[in-house]
C-alpha atoms as a PDB file:
ATOM      1  CA  MET A   1       0.000   0.000   0.000  1.00  0.00           C
ATOM      2  CA  SER A   2       1.278   3.480  -0.736  1.00  0.00           C
ATOM      3  CA  LEU A   3       0.946   6.837   0.941  1.00  0.00           C
ATOM      4  CA  ASP A   4      -1.337   9.371  -0.713  1.00  0.00           C
ATOM      5  CA  LEU A   5       0.743  12.574  -0.999  1.00  0.00           C
ATOM      6  CA  ARG A   6      -0.702  15.627  -2.764  1.00  0.00           C
ATOM      7  CA  GLN A   7       1.382  18.571  -3.972  1.00  0.00           C
ATOM      8  CA  THR A   8      -0.229  21.988  -3.442  1.00  0.00           C
ATOM      9  CA  GLU A   9       0.918  25.563  -3.985  1.00  0.00           C
ATOM     10  CA  CYS A  10       1.980  25.766  -0.322  1.00  0.00           C
ATOM     11  CA  GLY A  11       3.560  22.333   0.083  1.00  0.00           C
ATOM     12  CA  VAL A  12       2.468  18.730   0.406  1.00  0.00           C
ATOM     13  CA  THR A  13      -0.592  17.313   2.144  1.00  0.00           C
ATOM     14  CA  PHE A  14      -1.176  13.818   3.457  1.00  0.00           C
ATOM     15  CA  SER A  15      -3.441  12.030   5.898  1.00  0.00           C
ATOM     16  CA  VAL A  16      -2.606  10.647   9.315  1.00  0.00           C
ATOM     17  CA  ILE A  17      -4.534   8.368  11.632  1.00  0.00           C
ATOM     18  CA  VAL A  18      -3.718   9.087  15.271  1.00  0.00           C
ATOM     19  CA  ALA A  19      -4.019   6.878  18.342  1.00  0.00           C
ATOM     20  CA  PRO A  20      -3.867   9.348  21.266  1.00  0.00           C
ATOM     21  CA  ALA A  21      -3.038   8.398  24.861  1.00  0.00           C
ATOM     22  CA  SER A  22      -0.845   5.498  23.674  1.00  0.00           C
ATOM     23  CA  ARG A  23       2.096   3.906  25.459  1.00  0.00           C
ATOM     24  CA  LYS A  24       4.608   5.246  22.907  1.00  0.00           C
ATOM     25  CA  THR A  25       4.937   8.156  20.529  1.00  0.00           C
ATOM     26  CA  GLU A  26       5.867   6.588  17.194  1.00  0.00           C
ATOM     27  CA  ILE A  27       5.079   6.187  13.529  1.00  0.00           C
ATOM     28  CA  ARG A  28       3.461   2.772  13.207  1.00  0.00           C
ATOM     29  CA  GLY A  29       3.157   2.367   9.439  1.00  0.00           C
ATOM     30  CA  LEU A  30       0.609   2.886   6.693  1.00  0.00           C
ATOM     31  CA  HIS A  31      -3.118   2.233   6.692  1.00  0.00           C
ATOM     32  CA  ASP A  32      -5.518   3.053   3.829  1.00  0.00           C
ATOM     33  CA  GLY A  33      -3.106   5.545   2.235  1.00  0.00           C
ATOM     34  CA  ALA A  34      -2.461   7.388   5.522  1.00  0.00           C
ATOM     35  CA  ILE A  35       0.368   7.359   8.042  1.00  0.00           C
ATOM     36  CA  LYS A  36      -0.697   5.592  11.213  1.00  0.00           C
ATOM     37  CA  LEU A  37       0.912   6.957  14.351  1.00  0.00           C
ATOM     38  CA  SER A  38       0.518   6.957  18.100  1.00  0.00           C
ATOM     39  CA  VAL A  39       1.186   9.691  20.654  1.00  0.00           C
ATOM     40  CA  THR A  40       1.282   9.548  24.439  1.00  0.00           C
ATOM     41  CA  ALA A  41      -0.565  12.869  24.737  1.00  0.00           C
ATOM     42  CA  ALA A  42      -4.270  12.799  25.501  1.00  0.00           C
ATOM     43  CA  ALA A  43      -6.816  14.101  23.014  1.00  0.00           C
ATOM     44  CA  GLU A  44      -7.684  17.179  25.066  1.00  0.00           C
ATOM     45  CA  ARG A  45      -7.110  20.885  24.462  1.00  0.00           C
ATOM     46  CA  GLY A  46      -4.971  20.233  21.382  1.00  0.00           C
ATOM     47  CA  LYS A  47      -2.308  18.223  23.211  1.00  0.00           C
ATOM     48  CA  ALA A  48      -2.461  15.269  20.808  1.00  0.00           C
ATOM     49  CA  ASN A  49      -2.379  17.583  17.771  1.00  0.00           C
ATOM     50  CA  LYS A  50       0.728  19.298  19.132  1.00  0.00           C
ATOM     51  CA  ALA A  51       2.333  15.887  19.751  1.00  0.00           C
ATOM     52  CA  VAL A  52       1.517  14.796  16.178  1.00  0.00           C
ATOM     53  CA  ILE A  53       3.273  17.873  14.777  1.00  0.00           C
ATOM     54  CA  GLY A  54       6.231  17.339  17.106  1.00  0.00           C
ATOM     55  CA  LEU A  55       6.589  13.696  16.090  1.00  0.00           C
ATOM     56  CA  LEU A  56       6.378  14.435  12.377  1.00  0.00           C
ATOM     57  CA  ALA A  57       8.824  17.347  12.680  1.00  0.00           C
ATOM     58  CA  ARG A  58      11.392  15.213  14.535  1.00  0.00           C
ATOM     59  CA  GLN A  59      11.066  12.226  12.239  1.00  0.00           C
ATOM     60  CA  LEU A  60      11.190  14.278   9.026  1.00  0.00           C
ATOM     61  CA  GLN A  61      13.897  16.596  10.393  1.00  0.00           C
ATOM     62  CA  LEU A  62      11.882  19.756   9.781  1.00  0.00           C
ATOM     63  CA  SER A  63      10.778  22.616  11.998  1.00  0.00           C
ATOM     64  CA  PRO A  64       7.372  22.277  13.674  1.00  0.00           C
ATOM     65  CA  SER A  65       6.501  25.606  12.026  1.00  0.00           C
ATOM     66  CA  ASN A  66       6.547  23.767   8.676  1.00  0.00           C
ATOM     67  CA  PHE A  67       3.498  21.714   9.700  1.00  0.00           C
ATOM     68  CA  GLU A  68      -0.162  22.621   9.842  1.00  0.00           C
ATOM     69  CA  ILE A  69      -3.146  20.419  10.582  1.00  0.00           C
ATOM     70  CA  LEU A  70      -5.661  21.402   7.907  1.00  0.00           C
ATOM     71  CA  SER A  71      -8.591  19.298   9.059  1.00  0.00           C
ATOM     72  CA  GLY A  72      -9.520  16.779  11.699  1.00  0.00           C
ATOM     73  CA  HIS A  73      -8.505  18.790  14.764  1.00  0.00           C
ATOM     74  CA  GLY A  74     -10.985  16.853  16.917  1.00  0.00           C
ATOM     75  CA  SER A  75     -10.717  13.569  15.025  1.00  0.00           C
ATOM     76  CA  ARG A  76      -8.307  10.647  14.784  1.00  0.00           C
ATOM     77  CA  HIS A  77      -8.191  11.225  11.014  1.00  0.00           C
ATOM     78  CA  LYS A  78      -6.249  14.379  10.150  1.00  0.00           C
ATOM     79  CA  ASN A  79      -5.062  16.089   7.000  1.00  0.00           C
ATOM     80  CA  VAL A  80      -1.569  17.576   7.434  1.00  0.00           C
ATOM     81  CA  LEU A  81       0.242  20.190   5.324  1.00  0.00           C
ATOM     82  CA  VAL A  82       4.041  20.313   5.167  1.00  0.00           C
ATOM     83  CA  ILE A  83       4.757  23.875   4.120  1.00  0.00           C
ATOM     84  CA  GLY A  84       7.535  24.385   1.565  1.00  0.00           C
ATOM     85  CA  ALA A  85       8.118  20.680   0.917  1.00  0.00           C
ATOM     86  CA  THR A  86       7.944  18.904  -2.404  1.00  0.00           C
ATOM     87  CA  GLU A  87       6.255  15.568  -2.950  1.00  0.00           C
ATOM     88  CA  LYS A  88       9.537  13.996  -4.053  1.00  0.00           C
ATOM     89  CA  GLN A  89      11.432  15.149  -0.930  1.00  0.00           C
ATOM     90  CA  LEU A  90       8.707  14.000   1.398  1.00  0.00           C
ATOM     91  CA  ARG A  91       8.229  10.647  -0.331  1.00  0.00           C
ATOM     92  CA  GLN A  92      11.965   9.915   0.032  1.00  0.00           C
ATOM     93  CA  LYS A  93      12.041  10.817   3.740  1.00  0.00           C
ATOM     94  CA  LEU A  94       8.883   8.855   4.506  1.00  0.00           C
ATOM     95  CA  ALA A  95      10.115   5.819   2.561  1.00  0.00           C
ATOM     96  CA  GLN A  96      13.182   5.706   4.838  1.00  0.00           C
ATOM     97  CA  LEU A  97      11.051   6.030   7.969  1.00  0.00           C
ATOM     98  CA  LEU A  98       8.502   3.427   6.949  1.00  0.00           C
ATOM     99  CA  SER A  99      10.952   0.800   5.696  1.00  0.00           C
END
């Protein structure tokens, strides 16, 4: 299964599926074209969303300011924008992480 990345004028968007209040903060793989990840933060007052951005920023070696959650703020299913990235760059980095 492959990750559904979409190039936009601002950067690249993709979907994530989040398991909040988990034992570990980690990228767990792919599921239905989205990145499946878990965070230890609870899904309250934006804590899990902040943890998602922190995890993605660390793993992709980018600044947290390069990430924006476009939709799904109160949901496990989120659409994330990586500002200034290209699809090719992001696909390469994610392929390394997910292999």
